[in-house]
Amino acid sequence: ILKGNGYKVRGSSGAVPLNAVIAFPRLAEML
């Protein structure tokens, strides 16, 4: 995951964003 300035967000190598998982618990089971 990259910051707006182009640098990598610390520790994000191999990341998969999942911003909706808290709002939609059923998604957790799907994944």
Full PDB file with SEQRES, HELIX, SHEET, SSBOND, CRYST1, ORIGX, SCALE, CONECT and MASTER records, all heavy atoms in Angstrom:
SEQRES   1 A   31  ILE LEU LYS GLY ASN GLY TYR LYS VAL ARG GLY SER SER          
SEQRES   2 A   31  GLY ALA VAL PRO LEU ASN ALA VAL ILE ALA PHE PRO ARG          
SEQRES   3 A   31  LEU ALA GLU MET LEU                                          
HELIX    1 AA1 ARG A   26  MET A   30  1                                   5    
CRYST1    1.000    1.000    1.000  90.00  90.00  90.00 P 1           1          
ORIGX1      1.000000  0.000000  0.000000        0.00000                         
ORIGX2      0.000000  1.000000  0.000000        0.00000                         
ORIGX3      0.000000  0.000000  1.000000        0.00000                         
SCALE1      1.000000  0.000000  0.000000        0.00000                         
SCALE2      0.000000  1.000000  0.000000        0.00000                         
SCALE3      0.000000  0.000000  1.000000        0.00000                         
ATOM      1  N   ILE A   1       0.866  -1.173   0.000  1.00  0.00           N  
ATOM      2  CA  ILE A   1       0.000   0.000   0.000  1.00  0.00           C  
ATOM      3  C   ILE A   1       0.905   1.226   0.000  1.00  0.00           C  
ATOM      4  O   ILE A   1       1.860   1.308   0.779  1.00  0.00           O  
ATOM      5  CB  ILE A   1      -0.915   0.011   1.237  1.00  0.00           C  
ATOM      6  CG1 ILE A   1      -1.839  -1.206   1.210  1.00  0.00           C  
ATOM      7  CG2 ILE A   1      -1.744   1.300   1.287  1.00  0.00           C  
ATOM      8  CD1 ILE A   1      -2.681  -1.360   2.456  1.00  0.00           C  
ATOM      9  N   LEU A   2       0.634   2.173  -0.886  1.00  0.00           N  
ATOM     10  CA  LEU A   2       1.474   3.357  -1.023  1.00  0.00           C  
ATOM     11  C   LEU A   2       0.799   4.592  -0.443  1.00  0.00           C  
ATOM     12  O   LEU A   2      -0.427   4.736  -0.511  1.00  0.00           O  
ATOM     13  CB  LEU A   2       1.794   3.603  -2.497  1.00  0.00           C  
ATOM     14  CG  LEU A   2       2.514   2.472  -3.237  1.00  0.00           C  
ATOM     15  CD1 LEU A   2       2.759   2.872  -4.685  1.00  0.00           C  
ATOM     16  CD2 LEU A   2       3.813   2.090  -2.549  1.00  0.00           C  
ATOM     17  N   LYS A   3       1.616   5.476   0.115  1.00  0.00           N  
ATOM     18  CA  LYS A   3       1.116   6.771   0.573  1.00  0.00           C  
ATOM     19  C   LYS A   3       0.935   7.690  -0.630  1.00  0.00           C  
ATOM     20  O   LYS A   3       1.387   7.387  -1.729  1.00  0.00           O  
ATOM     21  CB  LYS A   3       2.117   7.405   1.540  1.00  0.00           C  
ATOM     22  CG  LYS A   3       2.389   6.601   2.793  1.00  0.00           C  
ATOM     23  CD  LYS A   3       3.420   7.317   3.651  1.00  0.00           C  
ATOM     24  CE  LYS A   3       3.766   6.525   4.895  1.00  0.00           C  
ATOM     25  NZ  LYS A   3       4.798   7.223   5.728  1.00  0.00           N  
ATOM     26  N   GLY A   4       0.310   8.834  -0.378  1.00  0.00           N  
ATOM     27  CA  GLY A   4       0.125   9.797  -1.454  1.00  0.00           C  
ATOM     28  C   GLY A   4       1.428  10.337  -1.998  1.00  0.00           C  
ATOM     29  O   GLY A   4       1.495  10.757  -3.157  1.00  0.00           O  
ATOM     30  N   ASN A   5       2.486  10.307  -1.174  1.00  0.00           N  
ATOM     31  CA  ASN A   5       3.785  10.800  -1.633  1.00  0.00           C  
ATOM     32  C   ASN A   5       4.603   9.730  -2.350  1.00  0.00           C  
ATOM     33  O   ASN A   5       5.745   9.955  -2.726  1.00  0.00           O  
ATOM     34  CB  ASN A   5       4.588  11.360  -0.456  1.00  0.00           C  
ATOM     35  CG  ASN A   5       4.829  10.320   0.641  1.00  0.00           C  
ATOM     36  OD1 ASN A   5       4.639   9.125   0.441  1.00  0.00           O  
ATOM     37  ND2 ASN A   5       5.249  10.790   1.809  1.00  0.00           N  
ATOM     38  N   GLY A   6       4.014   8.550  -2.519  1.00  0.00           N  
ATOM     39  CA  GLY A   6       4.681   7.486  -3.254  1.00  0.00           C  
ATOM     40  C   GLY A   6       5.440   6.494  -2.396  1.00  0.00           C  
ATOM     41  O   GLY A   6       5.839   5.431  -2.872  1.00  0.00           O  
ATOM     42  N   TYR A   7       5.665   6.824  -1.122  1.00  0.00           N  
ATOM     43  CA  TYR A   7       6.356   5.906  -0.228  1.00  0.00           C  
ATOM     44  C   TYR A   7       5.403   4.827   0.279  1.00  0.00           C  
ATOM     45  O   TYR A   7       4.196   5.041   0.390  1.00  0.00           O  
ATOM     46  CB  TYR A   7       6.959   6.659   0.958  1.00  0.00           C  
ATOM     47  CG  TYR A   7       8.139   7.524   0.602  1.00  0.00           C  
ATOM     48  CD1 TYR A   7       7.979   8.898   0.384  1.00  0.00           C  
ATOM     49  CD2 TYR A   7       9.411   6.980   0.469  1.00  0.00           C  
ATOM     50  CE1 TYR A   7       9.061   9.703   0.055  1.00  0.00           C  
ATOM     51  CE2 TYR A   7      10.500   7.775   0.143  1.00  0.00           C  
ATOM     52  CZ  TYR A   7      10.316   9.127  -0.061  1.00  0.00           C  
ATOM     53  OH  TYR A   7      11.385   9.917  -0.398  1.00  0.00           O  
ATOM     54  N   LYS A   8       5.966   3.692   0.600  1.00  0.00           N  
ATOM     55  CA  LYS A   8       5.156   2.566   1.069  1.00  0.00           C  
ATOM     56  C   LYS A   8       4.687   2.792   2.502  1.00  0.00           C  
ATOM     57  O   LYS A   8       5.435   3.281   3.342  1.00  0.00           O  
ATOM     58  CB  LYS A   8       5.976   1.270   0.988  1.00  0.00           C  
ATOM     59  CG  LYS A   8       5.205   0.023   1.379  1.00  0.00           C  
ATOM     60  CD  LYS A   8       6.060  -1.216   1.186  1.00  0.00           C  
ATOM     61  CE  LYS A   8       7.194  -1.276   2.192  1.00  0.00           C  
ATOM     62  NZ  LYS A   8       7.940  -2.541   2.102  1.00  0.00           N  
ATOM     63  N   VAL A   9       3.435   2.443   2.774  1.00  0.00           N  
ATOM     64  CA  VAL A   9       2.947   2.444   4.149  1.00  0.00           C  
ATOM     65  C   VAL A   9       3.718   1.373   4.918  1.00  0.00           C  
ATOM     66  O   VAL A   9       3.824   0.230   4.458  1.00  0.00           O  
ATOM     67  CB  VAL A   9       1.431   2.150   4.205  1.00  0.00           C  
ATOM     68  CG1 VAL A   9       0.960   1.992   5.649  1.00  0.00           C  
ATOM     69  CG2 VAL A   9       0.650   3.261   3.509  1.00  0.00           C  
ATOM     70  N   ARG A  10       4.256   1.749   6.029  1.00  0.00           N  
ATOM     71  CA  ARG A  10       5.133   0.842   6.781  1.00  0.00           C  
ATOM     72  C   ARG A  10       4.447  -0.496   7.088  1.00  0.00           C  
ATOM     73  O   ARG A  10       3.330  -0.544   7.587  1.00  0.00           O  
ATOM     74  CB  ARG A  10       5.559   1.502   8.089  1.00  0.00           C  
ATOM     75  CG  ARG A  10       6.549   0.683   8.897  1.00  0.00           C  
ATOM     76  CD  ARG A  10       6.983   1.432  10.137  1.00  0.00           C  
ATOM     77  NE  ARG A  10       7.920   0.645  10.913  1.00  0.00           N  
ATOM     78  CZ  ARG A  10       8.457   1.044  12.055  1.00  0.00           C  
ATOM     79  NH1 ARG A  10       8.141   2.239  12.549  1.00  0.00           N  
ATOM     80  NH2 ARG A  10       9.299   0.265  12.702  1.00  0.00           N  
ATOM     81  N   GLY A  11       5.159  -1.573   6.756  1.00  0.00           N  
ATOM     82  CA  GLY A  11       4.665  -2.911   7.066  1.00  0.00           C  
ATOM     83  C   GLY A  11       3.590  -3.445   6.153  1.00  0.00           C  
ATOM     84  O   GLY A  11       2.979  -4.473   6.425  1.00  0.00           O  
ATOM     85  N   SER A  12       3.353  -2.752   5.032  1.00  0.00           N  
ATOM     86  CA  SER A  12       2.224  -3.151   4.179  1.00  0.00           C  
ATOM     87  C   SER A  12       2.588  -4.084   3.037  1.00  0.00           C  
ATOM     88  O   SER A  12       1.725  -4.410   2.215  1.00  0.00           O  
ATOM     89  CB  SER A  12       1.538  -1.904   3.611  1.00  0.00           C  
ATOM     90  OG  SER A  12       2.383  -1.248   2.668  1.00  0.00           O  
ATOM     91  N   SER A  13       3.810  -4.549   2.947  1.00  0.00           N  
ATOM     92  CA  SER A  13       4.156  -5.499   1.884  1.00  0.00           C  
ATOM     93  C   SER A  13       3.318  -6.756   2.026  1.00  0.00           C  
ATOM     94  O   SER A  13       3.234  -7.349   3.094  1.00  0.00           O  
ATOM     95  CB  SER A  13       5.645  -5.851   1.961  1.00  0.00           C  
ATOM     96  OG  SER A  13       6.456  -4.725   1.710  1.00  0.00           O  
ATOM     97  N   GLY A  14       2.695  -7.170   0.934  1.00  0.00           N  
ATOM     98  CA  GLY A  14       1.834  -8.355   0.979  1.00  0.00           C  
ATOM     99  C   GLY A  14       0.445  -8.074   1.503  1.00  0.00           C  
ATOM    100  O   GLY A  14      -0.298  -8.995   1.847  1.00  0.00           O  
ATOM    101  N   ALA A  15       0.061  -6.799   1.553  1.00  0.00           N  
ATOM    102  CA  ALA A  15      -1.226  -6.404   2.132  1.00  0.00           C  
ATOM    103  C   ALA A  15      -2.383  -6.592   1.155  1.00  0.00           C  
ATOM    104  O   ALA A  15      -2.224  -6.502  -0.054  1.00  0.00           O  
ATOM    105  CB  ALA A  15      -1.162  -4.946   2.576  1.00  0.00           C  
ATOM    106  N   VAL A  16      -3.556  -6.833   1.726  1.00  0.00           N  
ATOM    107  CA  VAL A  16      -4.820  -6.829   0.983  1.00  0.00           C  
ATOM    108  C   VAL A  16      -5.767  -5.915   1.755  1.00  0.00           C  
ATOM    109  O   VAL A  16      -6.167  -6.239   2.876  1.00  0.00           O  
ATOM    110  CB  VAL A  16      -5.440  -8.229   0.864  1.00  0.00           C  
ATOM    111  CG1 VAL A  16      -6.780  -8.151   0.136  1.00  0.00           C  
ATOM    112  CG2 VAL A  16      -4.495  -9.171   0.144  1.00  0.00           C  
ATOM    113  N   PRO A  17      -6.127  -4.744   1.214  1.00  0.00           N  
ATOM    114  CA  PRO A  17      -7.012  -3.817   1.927  1.00  0.00           C  
ATOM    115  C   PRO A  17      -8.384  -4.440   2.160  1.00  0.00           C  
ATOM    116  O   PRO A  17      -8.911  -5.165   1.319  1.00  0.00           O  
ATOM    117  CB  PRO A  17      -7.106  -2.614   0.988  1.00  0.00           C  
ATOM    118  CG  PRO A  17      -5.924  -2.734   0.093  1.00  0.00           C  
ATOM    119  CD  PRO A  17      -5.692  -4.199  -0.079  1.00  0.00           C  
ATOM    120  N   LEU A  18      -8.975  -4.119   3.296  1.00  0.00           N  
ATOM    121  CA  LEU A  18     -10.297  -4.641   3.616  1.00  0.00           C  
ATOM    122  C   LEU A  18     -10.992  -3.667   4.557  1.00  0.00           C  
ATOM    123  O   LEU A  18     -11.230  -3.956   5.721  1.00  0.00           O  
ATOM    124  CB  LEU A  18     -10.194  -6.024   4.258  1.00  0.00           C  
ATOM    125  CG  LEU A  18     -11.475  -6.841   4.336  1.00  0.00           C  
ATOM    126  CD1 LEU A  18     -12.048  -7.079   2.934  1.00  0.00           C  
ATOM    127  CD2 LEU A  18     -11.223  -8.171   4.999  1.00  0.00           C  
ATOM    128  N   ASN A  19     -11.351  -2.526   4.046  1.00  0.00           N  
ATOM    129  CA  ASN A  19     -11.934  -1.492   4.892  1.00  0.00           C  
ATOM    130  C   ASN A  19     -13.377  -1.771   5.298  1.00  0.00           C  
ATOM    131  O   ASN A  19     -13.888  -1.156   6.228  1.00  0.00           O  
ATOM    132  CB  ASN A  19     -11.874  -0.141   4.177  1.00  0.00           C  
ATOM    133  CG  ASN A  19     -10.476   0.446   4.220  1.00  0.00           C  
ATOM    134  OD1 ASN A  19      -9.552  -0.203   4.687  1.00  0.00           O  
ATOM    135  ND2 ASN A  19     -10.329   1.668   3.735  1.00  0.00           N  
ATOM    136  N   ALA A  20     -14.041  -2.693   4.624  1.00  0.00           N  
ATOM    137  CA  ALA A  20     -15.456  -2.914   4.901  1.00  0.00           C  
ATOM    138  C   ALA A  20     -15.713  -4.010   5.911  1.00  0.00           C  
ATOM    139  O   ALA A  20     -16.840  -4.209   6.333  1.00  0.00           O  
ATOM    140  CB  ALA A  20     -16.189  -3.257   3.604  1.00  0.00           C  
ATOM    141  N   VAL A  21     -14.688  -4.735   6.344  1.00  0.00           N  
ATOM    142  CA  VAL A  21     -14.917  -5.937   7.123  1.00  0.00           C  
ATOM    143  C   VAL A  21     -15.537  -5.670   8.488  1.00  0.00           C  
ATOM    144  O   VAL A  21     -16.304  -6.477   8.992  1.00  0.00           O  
ATOM    145  CB  VAL A  21     -13.605  -6.726   7.290  1.00  0.00           C  
ATOM    146  CG1 VAL A  21     -12.651  -6.024   8.236  1.00  0.00           C  
ATOM    147  CG2 VAL A  21     -13.883  -8.138   7.762  1.00  0.00           C  
ATOM    148  N   ILE A  22     -15.281  -4.504   9.086  1.00  0.00           N  
ATOM    149  CA  ILE A  22     -15.866  -4.201  10.383  1.00  0.00           C  
ATOM    150  C   ILE A  22     -17.361  -3.931  10.248  1.00  0.00           C  
ATOM    151  O   ILE A  22     -18.159  -4.335  11.071  1.00  0.00           O  
ATOM    152  CB  ILE A  22     -15.169  -2.992  11.029  1.00  0.00           C  
ATOM    153  CG1 ILE A  22     -13.684  -3.290  11.231  1.00  0.00           C  
ATOM    154  CG2 ILE A  22     -15.799  -2.637  12.364  1.00  0.00           C  
ATOM    155  CD1 ILE A  22     -13.409  -4.491  12.118  1.00  0.00           C  
ATOM    156  N   ALA A  23     -17.727  -3.244   9.171  1.00  0.00           N  
ATOM    157  CA  ALA A  23     -19.132  -2.902   8.965  1.00  0.00           C  
ATOM    158  C   ALA A  23     -19.954  -4.095   8.488  1.00  0.00           C  
ATOM    159  O   ALA A  23     -21.156  -4.153   8.712  1.00  0.00           O  
ATOM    160  CB  ALA A  23     -19.244  -1.753   7.960  1.00  0.00           C  
ATOM    161  N   PHE A  24     -19.322  -5.048   7.857  1.00  0.00           N  
ATOM    162  CA  PHE A  24     -20.046  -6.182   7.303  1.00  0.00           C  
ATOM    163  C   PHE A  24     -19.418  -7.498   7.778  1.00  0.00           C  
ATOM    164  O   PHE A  24     -18.618  -8.104   7.064  1.00  0.00           O  
ATOM    165  CB  PHE A  24     -20.048  -6.123   5.774  1.00  0.00           C  
ATOM    166  CG  PHE A  24     -20.612  -4.853   5.229  1.00  0.00           C  
ATOM    167  CD1 PHE A  24     -19.768  -3.846   4.801  1.00  0.00           C  
ATOM    168  CD2 PHE A  24     -21.982  -4.655   5.166  1.00  0.00           C  
ATOM    169  CE1 PHE A  24     -20.283  -2.658   4.300  1.00  0.00           C  
ATOM    170  CE2 PHE A  24     -22.498  -3.477   4.665  1.00  0.00           C  
ATOM    171  CZ  PHE A  24     -21.651  -2.464   4.232  1.00  0.00           C  
ATOM    172  N   PRO A  25     -19.756  -7.945   9.003  1.00  0.00           N  
ATOM    173  CA  PRO A  25     -19.135  -9.149   9.576  1.00  0.00           C  
ATOM    174  C   PRO A  25     -19.271 -10.388   8.702  1.00  0.00           C  
ATOM    175  O   PRO A  25     -18.405 -11.264   8.730  1.00  0.00           O  
ATOM    176  CB  PRO A  25     -19.904  -9.322  10.892  1.00  0.00           C  
ATOM    177  CG  PRO A  25     -20.390  -7.947  11.226  1.00  0.00           C  
ATOM    178  CD  PRO A  25     -20.705  -7.313   9.914  1.00  0.00           C  
ATOM    179  N   ARG A  26     -20.343 -10.488   7.898  1.00  0.00           N  
ATOM    180  CA  ARG A  26     -20.518 -11.673   7.049  1.00  0.00           C  
ATOM    181  C   ARG A  26     -19.382 -11.800   6.050  1.00  0.00           C  
ATOM    182  O   ARG A  26     -19.050 -12.889   5.592  1.00  0.00           O  
ATOM    183  CB  ARG A  26     -21.854 -11.586   6.312  1.00  0.00           C  
ATOM    184  CG  ARG A  26     -23.075 -11.751   7.209  1.00  0.00           C  
ATOM    185  CD  ARG A  26     -24.358 -11.689   6.421  1.00  0.00           C  
ATOM    186  NE  ARG A  26     -24.425 -12.720   5.414  1.00  0.00           N  
ATOM    187  CZ  ARG A  26     -25.368 -12.776   4.477  1.00  0.00           C  
ATOM    188  NH1 ARG A  26     -26.310 -11.853   4.436  1.00  0.00           N  
ATOM    189  NH2 ARG A  26     -25.361 -13.745   3.595  1.00  0.00           N  
ATOM    190  N   LEU A  27     -18.777 -10.672   5.711  1.00  0.00           N  
ATOM    191  CA  LEU A  27     -17.662 -10.693   4.777  1.00  0.00           C  
ATOM    192  C   LEU A  27     -16.500 -11.499   5.338  1.00  0.00           C  
ATOM    193  O   LEU A  27     -15.736 -12.115   4.594  1.00  0.00           O  
ATOM    194  CB  LEU A  27     -17.217  -9.262   4.477  1.00  0.00           C  
ATOM    195  CG  LEU A  27     -16.328  -9.037   3.249  1.00  0.00           C  
ATOM    196  CD1 LEU A  27     -17.033  -9.504   1.985  1.00  0.00           C  
ATOM    197  CD2 LEU A  27     -15.959  -7.564   3.133  1.00  0.00           C  
ATOM    198  N   ALA A  28     -16.361 -11.491   6.655  1.00  0.00           N  
ATOM    199  CA  ALA A  28     -15.267 -12.225   7.287  1.00  0.00           C  
ATOM    200  C   ALA A  28     -15.368 -13.718   6.987  1.00  0.00           C  
ATOM    201  O   ALA A  28     -14.365 -14.383   6.712  1.00  0.00           O  
ATOM    202  CB  ALA A  28     -15.291 -11.993   8.798  1.00  0.00           C  
ATOM    203  N   GLU A  29     -16.582 -14.241   7.031  1.00  0.00           N  
ATOM    204  CA  GLU A  29     -16.774 -15.664   6.740  1.00  0.00           C  
ATOM    205  C   GLU A  29     -16.521 -15.956   5.268  1.00  0.00           C  
ATOM    206  O   GLU A  29     -15.951 -16.982   4.905  1.00  0.00           O  
ATOM    207  CB  GLU A  29     -18.196 -16.079   7.127  1.00  0.00           C  
ATOM    208  CG  GLU A  29     -18.507 -17.545   6.901  1.00  0.00           C  
ATOM    209  CD  GLU A  29     -17.626 -18.473   7.730  1.00  0.00           C  
ATOM    210  OE1 GLU A  29     -17.160 -18.056   8.812  1.00  0.00           O  
ATOM    211  OE2 GLU A  29     -17.406 -19.621   7.283  1.00  0.00           O  
ATOM    212  N   MET A  30     -16.908 -15.016   4.395  1.00  0.00           N  
ATOM    213  CA  MET A  30     -16.693 -15.199   2.960  1.00  0.00           C  
ATOM    214  C   MET A  30     -15.210 -15.263   2.632  1.00  0.00           C  
ATOM    215  O   MET A  30     -14.798 -15.961   1.700  1.00  0.00           O  
ATOM    216  CB  MET A  30     -17.340 -14.047   2.193  1.00  0.00           C  
ATOM    217  CG  MET A  30     -18.859 -14.003   2.275  1.00  0.00           C  
ATOM    218  SD  MET A  30     -19.541 -12.451   1.611  1.00  0.00           S  
ATOM    219  CE  MET A  30     -18.873 -12.471  -0.041  1.00  0.00           C  
ATOM    220  N   LEU A  31     -14.391 -14.543   3.412  1.00  0.00           N  
ATOM    221  CA  LEU A  31     -12.964 -14.469   3.134  1.00  0.00           C  
ATOM    222  C   LEU A  31     -12.153 -15.463   3.935  1.00  0.00           C  
ATOM    223  O   LEU A  31     -10.933 -15.393   3.969  1.00  0.00           O  
ATOM    224  CB  LEU A  31     -12.459 -13.052   3.412  1.00  0.00           C  
ATOM    225  CG  LEU A  31     -12.983 -11.987   2.448  1.00  0.00           C  
ATOM    226  CD1 LEU A  31     -12.637 -10.595   2.952  1.00  0.00           C  
ATOM    227  CD2 LEU A  31     -12.412 -12.191   1.053  1.00  0.00           C  
TER     228      LEU A  31                                                      
MASTER        0    0    0    1    0    0    0    6  227    1    0    3          
END                                                                             
